[in-house]
Amino acid sequence: MSALALAVLFAIASAAAYAAGAVMQERLAADAERHTVLALLKLGRWWFAVGLNAAGGALHVAALAYGPLSLVQPLGLLTLVLALPMGAALASKRVATEHWRGAGLTIAGLMVLLVLVGPGNTASVLTTGRATTLAVVAVIAVLAIMVAAKYAKASLARSILYAVASGAAFAVASALTQTVTLRATTDGAGTLLSPIALVLAAMSVGGLLLSQVAYRDSGLGAPLATVSLANPIASAVIGMALLGERFAGGGRGAVVALGAAAVAAAGVVMLTRPADVREAAPVAAEPPAKAQPIEVPKPRESEPVVLVA
């Protein structure tokens, strides 16, 4: 099996694990009035969700060890495709037709992007200088987005901003993960204790906590869609600006890739739209019989009371 095929398989498995973890996070975040972010640390269900995210992260590292950032990160959109059916199953609901269409568009866009990945693109390593630049810019950008989210008045805007920060943090963590993993194979395990590895750990944990806060403010759909889109967009910028990754076909291939990304993004938007209640609700066997009104006899006027001596 080729390295590219292994990267795809590991990336799909990673998306499935992340999707399951996101669904569990959303269900816990819905109970945010009783459980703050710090209180969640005492819940076994939250740690199980963290375990799913950790499994997704391990599979993601494996994918990055075999494939380029521009291939692995867009496949993260499958997280949303898989998360909505999982969430519907846990809630005993069915996925709406529009959501299935959105899933189809997302997968179609990803397939085109998969074909357009340049044959020369392989897993690449950031130089120390570029890794440092990326870390500094990323920390400043994430902190700025967090400040903007803190002062946002609308809960949806606040949630989306936190999700953007989360997606950017995950993208930077992925780029640094690829560098640390490949360096560890040549320089030894000491690379895991390098400053780059510490920034990687901070970005990973930060992305997880930011996504939890985003789910708390507005549910699963919009934040997960934003994280899923912000992650590959930031990764594409990192890959092309710092890792020299390109799409097949030169300029034409880039235009086609942009169109495929737009198709996938349209699918993501459809996936996050609220479903028709009548369509998404579980089908009942028979509607309950309509209750007939009960006529209550009008009470008679009370007769005068006669006192007998």
Protein backbone atom coordinates (compact mmCIF):
# COMPACT_ATOMS: atom_id res chain seq x y z
CA MET A 1 0.00 0.00 0.00
CA SER A 2 1.34 3.42 -0.97
CA ALA A 3 2.12 6.15 1.52
CA LEU A 4 -0.68 8.28 0.07
CA ALA A 5 -3.25 5.52 0.60
CA LEU A 6 -2.10 5.02 4.19
CA ALA A 7 -2.41 8.75 4.83
CA VAL A 8 -6.00 8.71 3.53
CA LEU A 9 -6.99 5.68 5.63
CA PHE A 10 -5.49 7.12 8.81
CA ALA A 11 -7.11 10.51 8.13
CA ILE A 12 -10.58 8.96 7.71
CA ALA A 13 -10.19 6.93 10.91
CA SER A 14 -9.05 10.09 12.69
CA ALA A 15 -12.14 11.98 11.49
CA ALA A 16 -14.40 9.23 12.84
CA ALA A 17 -12.78 9.38 16.28
CA TYR A 18 -12.94 13.18 16.36
CA ALA A 19 -16.61 13.07 15.33
CA ALA A 20 -17.52 10.74 18.19
CA GLY A 21 -15.61 12.93 20.64
CA ALA A 22 -17.33 16.07 19.34
CA VAL A 23 -20.78 14.56 19.76
CA MET A 24 -20.01 13.65 23.36
CA GLN A 25 -18.57 17.11 24.04
CA GLU A 26 -21.72 18.75 22.68
CA ARG A 27 -23.99 16.62 24.85
CA LEU A 28 -21.96 17.56 27.92
CA ALA A 29 -21.81 21.22 26.92
CA ALA A 30 -25.60 21.31 26.68
CA ASP A 31 -25.60 20.81 30.46
CA ALA A 32 -23.24 23.73 30.96
CA GLU A 33 -25.42 25.40 33.60
CA ARG A 34 -24.65 22.61 36.04
CA HIS A 35 -21.17 21.77 34.78
CA THR A 36 -18.59 24.47 34.07
CA VAL A 37 -15.52 23.72 31.99
CA LEU A 38 -13.49 23.01 35.15
CA ALA A 39 -16.28 20.85 36.62
CA LEU A 40 -16.21 18.70 33.47
CA LEU A 41 -12.77 17.47 34.53
CA LYS A 42 -14.48 15.42 37.24
CA LEU A 43 -16.83 13.64 34.84
CA GLY A 44 -15.88 10.27 33.40
CA ARG A 45 -17.88 10.97 30.24
CA TRP A 46 -15.79 14.05 29.55
CA TRP A 47 -12.58 12.07 29.90
CA PHE A 48 -13.98 9.45 27.53
CA ALA A 49 -14.58 12.24 25.01
CA VAL A 50 -10.99 13.39 25.60
CA GLY A 51 -9.86 9.80 24.97
CA LEU A 52 -11.70 9.77 21.64
CA ASN A 53 -10.01 13.04 20.71
CA ALA A 54 -6.67 11.57 21.76
CA ALA A 55 -7.28 8.55 19.53
CA GLY A 56 -8.19 10.88 16.71
CA GLY A 57 -5.00 12.80 17.35
CA ALA A 58 -2.86 9.65 17.26
CA LEU A 59 -4.41 8.59 13.96
CA HIS A 60 -3.93 12.13 12.68
CA VAL A 61 -0.23 11.96 13.55
CA ALA A 62 0.03 8.70 11.61
CA ALA A 63 -1.66 10.32 8.62
CA LEU A 64 0.73 13.28 8.73
CA ALA A 65 3.69 10.91 8.83
CA TYR A 66 2.68 9.53 5.42
CA GLY A 67 0.96 12.40 3.61
CA PRO A 68 1.19 16.16 3.03
CA LEU A 69 -0.62 18.70 5.19
CA SER A 70 -2.67 19.86 2.17
CA LEU A 71 -4.16 16.36 1.87
CA VAL A 72 -4.62 15.31 5.48
CA GLN A 73 -6.26 18.48 6.79
CA PRO A 74 -9.12 18.79 4.25
CA LEU A 75 -10.14 15.22 5.08
CA GLY A 76 -10.92 16.57 8.54
CA LEU A 77 -14.19 17.85 7.02
CA LEU A 78 -15.37 14.26 7.28
CA THR A 79 -15.61 14.93 11.01
CA LEU A 80 -18.77 16.95 10.41
CA VAL A 81 -20.15 14.45 7.91
CA LEU A 82 -19.82 11.67 10.48
CA ALA A 83 -20.73 13.69 13.58
CA LEU A 84 -24.26 14.63 12.53
CA PRO A 85 -25.45 11.04 11.90
CA MET A 86 -23.82 9.99 15.19
CA GLY A 87 -25.56 12.81 17.05
CA ALA A 88 -28.89 11.97 15.40
CA ALA A 89 -28.53 8.31 16.36
CA LEU A 90 -27.86 9.14 20.01
CA ALA A 91 -30.88 11.45 20.03
CA SER A 92 -33.09 8.80 18.36
CA LYS A 93 -33.64 11.00 15.31
CA ARG A 94 -33.00 10.54 11.63
CA VAL A 95 -30.73 12.66 9.45
CA ALA A 96 -32.63 15.13 7.27
CA THR A 97 -32.48 14.86 3.49
CA GLU A 98 -30.73 18.23 3.24
CA HIS A 99 -28.01 16.99 5.56
CA TRP A 100 -27.45 13.92 3.37
CA ARG A 101 -27.14 16.26 0.37
CA GLY A 102 -24.64 18.35 2.28
CA ALA A 103 -22.65 15.25 3.12
CA GLY A 104 -22.63 14.31 -0.58
CA LEU A 105 -21.33 17.74 -1.62
CA THR A 106 -18.66 17.67 1.07
CA ILE A 107 -17.43 14.24 0.06
CA ALA A 108 -17.50 15.19 -3.65
CA GLY A 109 -15.39 18.28 -3.00
CA LEU A 110 -12.93 16.27 -0.94
CA MET A 111 -12.59 13.64 -3.67
CA VAL A 112 -11.65 16.31 -6.20
CA LEU A 113 -9.11 17.78 -3.79
CA LEU A 114 -7.70 14.29 -3.26
CA VAL A 115 -7.15 13.87 -6.99
CA LEU A 116 -5.51 17.29 -7.26
CA VAL A 117 -2.89 16.70 -4.57
CA GLY A 118 0.45 17.20 -6.28
CA PRO A 119 2.38 13.97 -6.81
CA GLY A 120 5.49 15.64 -5.44
CA ASN A 121 3.79 16.61 -2.19
CA THR A 122 5.05 14.55 0.69
CA ALA A 123 5.26 14.93 4.45
CA SER A 124 7.53 17.92 5.00
CA VAL A 125 9.51 19.36 7.91
CA LEU A 126 9.50 22.99 9.00
CA THR A 127 12.87 24.56 9.58
CA THR A 128 13.55 25.86 13.09
CA GLY A 129 13.19 29.45 11.96
CA ARG A 130 9.88 28.86 10.15
CA ALA A 131 8.52 26.82 13.04
CA THR A 132 9.35 29.64 15.44
CA THR A 133 7.71 32.21 13.17
CA LEU A 134 4.61 30.03 12.87
CA ALA A 135 4.40 29.57 16.63
CA VAL A 136 4.70 33.31 17.39
CA VAL A 137 2.17 34.36 14.74
CA ALA A 138 -0.23 31.62 15.83
CA VAL A 139 -0.14 32.55 19.52
CA ILE A 140 -0.77 36.23 18.71
CA ALA A 141 -3.61 35.40 16.31
CA VAL A 142 -5.36 32.97 18.67
CA LEU A 143 -5.13 35.37 21.61
CA ALA A 144 -6.51 38.22 19.48
CA ILE A 145 -9.49 36.08 18.38
CA MET A 146 -10.14 35.04 21.97
CA VAL A 147 -10.21 38.68 23.09
CA ALA A 148 -12.65 39.51 20.29
CA ALA A 149 -14.83 36.56 21.31
CA LYS A 150 -14.86 37.66 24.93
CA TYR A 151 -16.31 41.05 24.03
CA ALA A 152 -18.77 39.75 21.41
CA LYS A 153 -22.36 40.40 22.50
CA ALA A 154 -24.17 37.76 20.40
CA SER A 155 -23.71 34.19 21.59
CA LEU A 156 -23.49 32.84 18.01
CA ALA A 157 -20.76 35.33 17.08
CA ARG A 158 -18.87 34.49 20.26
CA SER A 159 -19.18 30.77 19.53
CA ILE A 160 -17.96 31.15 15.94
CA LEU A 161 -14.96 33.23 17.02
CA TYR A 162 -13.94 30.62 19.58
CA ALA A 163 -14.37 27.97 16.88
CA VAL A 164 -12.12 29.94 14.49
CA ALA A 165 -9.47 30.14 17.19
CA SER A 166 -9.86 26.42 17.82
CA GLY A 167 -9.51 25.55 14.13
CA ALA A 168 -6.43 27.73 13.76
CA ALA A 169 -4.85 26.19 16.86
CA PHE A 170 -5.50 22.68 15.54
CA ALA A 171 -4.00 23.58 12.15
CA VAL A 172 -0.82 24.92 13.73
CA ALA A 173 -0.65 21.87 15.99
CA SER A 174 -0.92 19.61 12.92
CA ALA A 175 1.90 21.39 11.11
CA LEU A 176 4.11 21.20 14.19
CA THR A 177 3.10 17.57 14.75
CA GLN A 178 4.28 16.67 11.28
CA THR A 179 7.62 18.38 11.91
CA VAL A 180 8.14 16.84 15.36
CA THR A 181 7.16 13.35 14.15
CA LEU A 182 9.51 13.38 11.18
CA ARG A 183 12.35 14.88 13.20
CA ALA A 184 11.90 12.25 15.90
CA THR A 185 12.52 9.50 13.35
CA THR A 186 15.95 10.96 12.55
CA ASP A 187 17.00 12.91 15.65
CA GLY A 188 15.57 10.59 18.28
CA ALA A 189 12.98 10.92 21.04
CA GLY A 190 14.68 14.04 22.42
CA THR A 191 12.74 16.02 19.81
CA LEU A 192 9.59 15.35 21.84
CA LEU A 193 10.95 17.67 24.57
CA SER A 194 11.96 20.50 22.23
CA PRO A 195 10.36 23.99 22.39
CA ILE A 196 8.44 23.18 19.20
CA ALA A 197 6.90 20.16 20.92
CA LEU A 198 5.85 22.31 23.87
CA VAL A 199 4.11 24.79 21.55
CA LEU A 200 2.48 21.82 19.82
CA ALA A 201 1.10 20.56 23.14
CA ALA A 202 -0.18 24.02 24.07
CA MET A 203 -1.94 24.42 20.71
CA SER A 204 -3.53 20.98 20.94
CA VAL A 205 -4.90 21.51 24.45
CA GLY A 206 -5.94 25.05 23.61
CA GLY A 207 -7.81 23.92 20.52
CA LEU A 208 -9.67 21.29 22.54
CA LEU A 209 -10.73 23.71 25.28
CA LEU A 210 -11.70 26.41 22.78
CA SER A 211 -13.92 23.98 20.92
CA GLN A 212 -15.59 22.98 24.20
CA VAL A 213 -16.39 26.64 24.94
CA ALA A 214 -17.68 27.11 21.40
CA TYR A 215 -20.06 24.13 21.72
CA ARG A 216 -21.34 25.49 25.03
CA ASP A 217 -22.48 28.76 23.51
CA SER A 218 -24.46 27.52 20.49
CA GLY A 219 -24.58 23.73 20.19
CA LEU A 220 -22.82 21.41 17.75
CA GLY A 221 -23.61 22.55 14.19
CA ALA A 222 -22.14 26.03 13.67
CA PRO A 223 -19.02 25.64 15.86
CA LEU A 224 -18.10 22.24 14.43
CA ALA A 225 -18.58 23.54 10.89
CA THR A 226 -16.40 26.55 11.65
CA VAL A 227 -13.66 24.44 13.21
CA SER A 228 -13.84 22.01 10.29
CA LEU A 229 -13.45 24.83 7.74
CA ALA A 230 -10.94 26.99 9.62
CA ASN A 231 -8.62 24.02 10.15
CA PRO A 232 -7.99 23.09 6.47
CA ILE A 233 -7.96 26.73 5.34
CA ALA A 234 -5.24 27.60 7.87
CA SER A 235 -3.42 24.38 7.00
CA ALA A 236 -3.48 25.17 3.28
CA VAL A 237 -1.97 28.58 3.98
CA ILE A 238 0.73 27.00 6.16
CA GLY A 239 1.43 24.26 3.62
CA MET A 240 1.80 26.60 0.66
CA ALA A 241 3.58 29.42 2.49
CA LEU A 242 6.00 27.42 4.62
CA LEU A 243 6.14 23.85 3.26
CA GLY A 244 6.13 24.45 -0.50
CA GLU A 245 3.08 22.28 -1.15
CA ARG A 246 1.22 22.73 -4.46
CA PHE A 247 -1.76 21.27 -6.32
CA ALA A 248 -1.36 19.26 -9.53
CA GLY A 249 -1.89 21.21 -12.75
CA GLY A 250 -0.30 24.44 -11.62
CA GLY A 251 -2.56 27.49 -11.83
CA ARG A 252 -5.45 25.57 -13.40
CA GLY A 253 -5.24 22.93 -10.73
CA ALA A 254 -5.34 25.60 -8.05
CA VAL A 255 -8.51 27.10 -9.62
CA VAL A 256 -10.17 23.67 -9.73
CA ALA A 257 -9.08 23.03 -6.15
CA LEU A 258 -10.61 26.34 -5.11
CA GLY A 259 -13.88 25.33 -6.78
CA ALA A 260 -13.80 21.93 -5.07
CA ALA A 261 -13.19 23.64 -1.73
CA ALA A 262 -16.20 25.88 -2.40
CA VAL A 263 -18.35 22.80 -3.11
CA ALA A 264 -17.17 21.16 0.11
CA ALA A 265 -17.83 24.39 2.02
CA ALA A 266 -21.36 24.56 0.58
CA GLY A 267 -21.91 21.02 1.80
CA VAL A 268 -20.70 21.97 5.25
CA VAL A 269 -23.14 24.90 5.34
CA MET A 270 -25.99 22.55 4.40
CA LEU A 271 -24.92 20.16 7.12
CA THR A 272 -25.17 22.87 9.75
CA ARG A 273 -28.59 24.20 8.79
CA PRO A 274 -31.41 23.29 11.19
CA ALA A 275 -33.41 20.39 9.82
CA ASP A 276 -37.15 20.55 9.26
CA VAL A 277 -38.66 19.37 12.53
CA ARG A 278 -41.24 17.28 10.73
CA GLU A 279 -38.57 15.61 8.63
CA ALA A 280 -35.98 15.09 11.35
CA ALA A 281 -38.33 13.90 14.07
CA PRO A 282 -38.73 10.14 14.61
CA VAL A 283 -41.67 8.59 12.82
CA ALA A 284 -44.52 7.63 15.13
CA ALA A 285 -46.53 4.47 14.51
CA GLU A 286 -49.94 6.17 14.75
CA PRO A 287 -50.90 9.62 15.91
CA PRO A 288 -52.64 9.59 19.27
CA ALA A 289 -56.41 9.78 19.15
CA LYS A 290 -57.76 13.26 19.55
CA ALA A 291 -59.29 13.70 22.94
CA GLN A 292 -63.01 14.50 22.90
CA PRO A 293 -64.17 17.40 25.06
CA ILE A 294 -66.09 16.39 28.14
CA GLU A 295 -69.23 18.31 28.83
CA VAL A 296 -69.57 19.31 32.47
CA PRO A 297 -73.16 19.86 33.62
CA LYS A 298 -73.87 23.37 34.71
CA PRO A 299 -74.21 23.52 38.48
CA ARG A 300 -77.59 24.44 39.81
CA GLU A 301 -78.02 27.60 41.77
CA SER A 302 -77.81 26.94 45.48
CA GLU A 303 -81.14 27.02 47.32
CA PRO A 304 -81.57 29.29 50.34
CA VAL A 305 -80.77 27.68 53.65
CA VAL A 306 -83.68 27.54 56.12
CA LEU A 307 -82.81 27.42 59.77
CA VAL A 308 -85.22 25.39 61.93
CA ALA A 309 -85.59 26.39 65.59
